[in-house]
Protein backbone atom coordinates (compact mmCIF):
# COMPACT_ATOMS: atom_id res chain seq x y z
CA MET A 1 96.07 90.45 119.80
CA VAL A 2 92.37 90.42 120.50
CA ASN A 3 89.91 91.56 117.82
CA GLY A 4 88.20 94.37 119.73
CA PRO A 5 87.15 97.99 119.18
CA GLY A 6 90.61 99.39 118.40
CA LEU A 7 92.48 102.29 119.94
CA PHE A 8 90.90 105.68 120.64
CA SER A 9 93.52 107.36 118.44
CA ASP A 10 92.39 105.19 115.50
CA ILE A 11 88.80 106.45 115.59
CA GLY A 12 88.29 108.37 112.34
CA LYS A 13 91.63 107.24 110.91
CA ARG A 14 90.11 105.67 107.80
CA SER A 15 88.24 108.83 106.85
CA ARG A 16 91.33 111.02 107.50
CA ASP A 17 93.43 108.69 105.36
CA LEU A 18 90.84 108.79 102.59
CA LEU A 19 91.16 112.57 102.44
CA THR A 20 94.91 112.96 102.93
CA LYS A 21 96.91 109.75 102.40
CA ASP A 22 98.58 109.19 99.03
CA PHE A 23 97.58 112.65 97.77
CA VAL A 24 100.99 114.25 97.59
CA SER A 25 102.13 116.87 95.15
CA ASP A 26 105.77 116.26 96.03
CA GLN A 27 108.15 114.02 94.15
CA LYS A 28 108.92 110.91 96.17
CA PHE A 29 111.18 107.93 95.51
CA THR A 30 111.26 104.90 97.81
CA LEU A 31 113.49 101.85 97.59
CA SER A 32 112.80 98.86 99.86
CA SER A 33 114.45 95.52 100.45
CA SER A 34 114.18 92.73 103.00
CA THR A 35 116.20 89.72 104.10
CA ASP A 36 115.17 86.21 105.06
CA SER A 37 116.18 86.91 108.67
CA GLY A 38 113.48 89.60 109.07
CA VAL A 39 115.48 92.78 108.42
CA GLU A 40 113.79 95.39 106.22
CA PHE A 41 115.66 98.31 104.63
CA THR A 42 113.88 101.36 103.23
CA SER A 43 115.38 104.46 101.70
CA THR A 44 113.20 107.44 100.80
CA ALA A 45 113.99 110.67 98.95
CA ILE A 46 111.45 113.51 98.74
CA LYS A 47 111.65 116.71 96.72
CA LYS A 48 109.28 119.31 98.12
CA GLY A 49 109.49 122.54 96.19
CA GLY A 50 113.21 123.29 95.91
CA LEU A 51 114.13 121.30 99.05
CA SER A 52 115.27 117.69 98.96
CA THR A 53 115.19 115.45 102.03
CA GLY A 54 115.67 111.78 102.63
CA ASP A 55 115.94 109.05 105.20
CA ILE A 56 117.13 105.50 105.66
CA ALA A 57 115.11 103.12 107.83
CA VAL A 58 115.88 99.66 109.19
CA LYS A 59 113.26 97.40 110.80
CA TYR A 60 114.03 94.15 112.54
CA LYS A 61 111.35 91.80 113.81
CA TYR A 62 112.15 88.84 116.04
CA LYS A 63 109.31 86.87 117.64
CA ASN A 64 107.25 89.46 119.54
CA THR A 65 109.80 92.30 119.30
CA LEU A 66 110.11 94.99 116.62
CA VAL A 67 113.02 97.44 116.44
CA ASP A 68 112.70 100.38 114.03
CA VAL A 69 115.56 102.85 113.45
CA LYS A 70 115.38 105.76 111.01
CA VAL A 71 118.08 108.31 110.18
CA ASP A 72 117.20 111.42 108.17
CA THR A 73 119.24 114.02 106.31
CA LYS A 74 119.07 116.42 109.29
CA SER A 75 121.06 113.89 111.37
CA ASN A 76 118.06 112.94 113.48
CA ILE A 77 117.80 109.35 114.67
CA PHE A 78 114.29 108.04 115.36
CA THR A 79 114.17 104.78 117.31
CA THR A 80 111.11 102.74 118.23
CA PHE A 81 111.19 99.54 120.26
CA THR A 82 107.91 97.56 120.38
CA VAL A 83 107.20 94.40 122.37
CA THR A 84 103.85 92.64 122.08
CA ASP A 85 102.35 90.19 124.56
CA ILE A 86 104.63 90.96 127.51
CA PHE A 87 101.44 90.07 129.34
CA PRO A 88 98.51 88.58 127.41
CA SER A 89 96.90 91.13 125.04
CA THR A 90 99.39 93.93 125.78
CA LYS A 91 101.85 96.00 123.79
CA ALA A 92 104.68 98.21 125.05
CA ILE A 93 106.22 100.89 122.83
CA VAL A 94 109.29 102.98 123.66
CA SER A 95 110.34 105.70 121.22
CA VAL A 96 113.06 108.31 121.27
CA LYS A 97 114.44 110.88 118.84
CA LEU A 98 118.13 111.71 119.10
CA PRO A 99 119.74 114.20 119.63
CA ASP A 100 116.53 115.56 121.30
CA TYR A 101 116.67 113.61 124.56
CA ASN A 102 113.39 115.15 125.79
CA SER A 103 111.40 113.43 123.03
CA GLY A 104 111.24 109.99 124.65
CA LYS A 105 107.86 108.34 125.06
CA LEU A 106 106.65 105.18 126.78
CA GLU A 107 103.27 103.78 125.76
CA LEU A 108 101.43 100.76 127.16
CA GLN A 109 98.39 99.32 125.38
CA TYR A 110 95.91 96.71 126.55
CA PHE A 111 93.46 95.01 124.18
CA HIS A 112 90.30 93.11 125.16
CA ASP A 113 87.37 91.76 123.12
CA HIS A 114 85.20 94.76 124.03
CA ALA A 115 87.65 97.40 125.31
CA THR A 116 91.09 98.89 124.82
CA PHE A 117 93.15 100.97 127.24
CA THR A 118 96.22 103.06 126.47
CA THR A 119 98.51 105.07 128.70
CA ALA A 120 101.46 107.12 127.49
CA ALA A 121 104.11 109.12 129.32
CA ILE A 122 106.57 111.60 127.88
CA LEU A 123 110.01 110.74 129.25
CA ASN A 124 111.49 114.04 130.42
CA LYS A 125 111.94 116.03 133.68
CA SER A 126 108.24 116.91 133.92
CA PRO A 127 106.36 114.16 132.11
CA ALA A 128 102.90 114.54 130.68
CA ILE A 129 100.69 111.48 131.08
CA ASP A 130 97.90 110.64 128.65
CA VAL A 131 95.25 107.97 129.15
CA SER A 132 92.59 106.79 126.70
CA ALA A 133 89.97 104.07 126.72
CA THR A 134 87.61 102.65 124.12
CA ILE A 135 84.67 100.31 124.56
CA GLY A 136 82.57 98.62 121.90
CA THR A 137 83.04 96.27 118.97
CA PRO A 138 85.08 96.52 115.78
CA ALA A 139 81.97 98.01 114.08
CA ILE A 140 81.03 100.64 116.68
CA ALA A 141 83.15 102.13 119.45
CA PHE A 142 82.97 104.87 122.08
CA GLY A 143 86.02 106.34 123.73
CA ALA A 144 87.50 109.06 125.86
CA GLU A 145 90.91 110.46 126.62
CA ALA A 146 92.44 112.51 129.40
CA GLY A 147 95.82 114.01 130.13
CA TYR A 148 97.71 115.10 133.22
CA ASP A 149 100.48 117.70 133.20
CA THR A 150 102.82 116.92 136.10
CA THR A 151 104.38 120.40 135.97
CA SER A 152 101.18 122.34 136.60
CA GLY A 153 99.09 119.54 138.11
CA ASN A 154 96.27 120.19 135.63
CA PHE A 155 94.06 117.65 133.89
CA THR A 156 93.19 118.13 130.22
């Protein structure tokens, strides 16, 4: 990928992570393993108050494709399929949560030396479409985002 300004959704991410990431008061145990063929296994157990939850995740990377599947203790299956460089400097991401079939999402990202462009669509009967763009350099960036609700025909 090109070393440009980054995605609009990443603006402010470092400062948010500084304030919130790795500051948990819950008990968490994670066990990870990987194989030579590119398969990664991760199992996580969290005790939050009196409630215990957990998940098992499998990631497989082959050339420019990444498949990520996670199953949690509530019988939810989260699947993400990512392909980079379908066209030069692009990334396509498809994600779905089962058994909630209305949670599917398709995202296309384009990276350039001085700009990035992202469009995302929720995959259901009345999809919402989000578009964002960023211009600048890795040190300073300006961006905007807009959304369109196909049900009401309103822009946000």
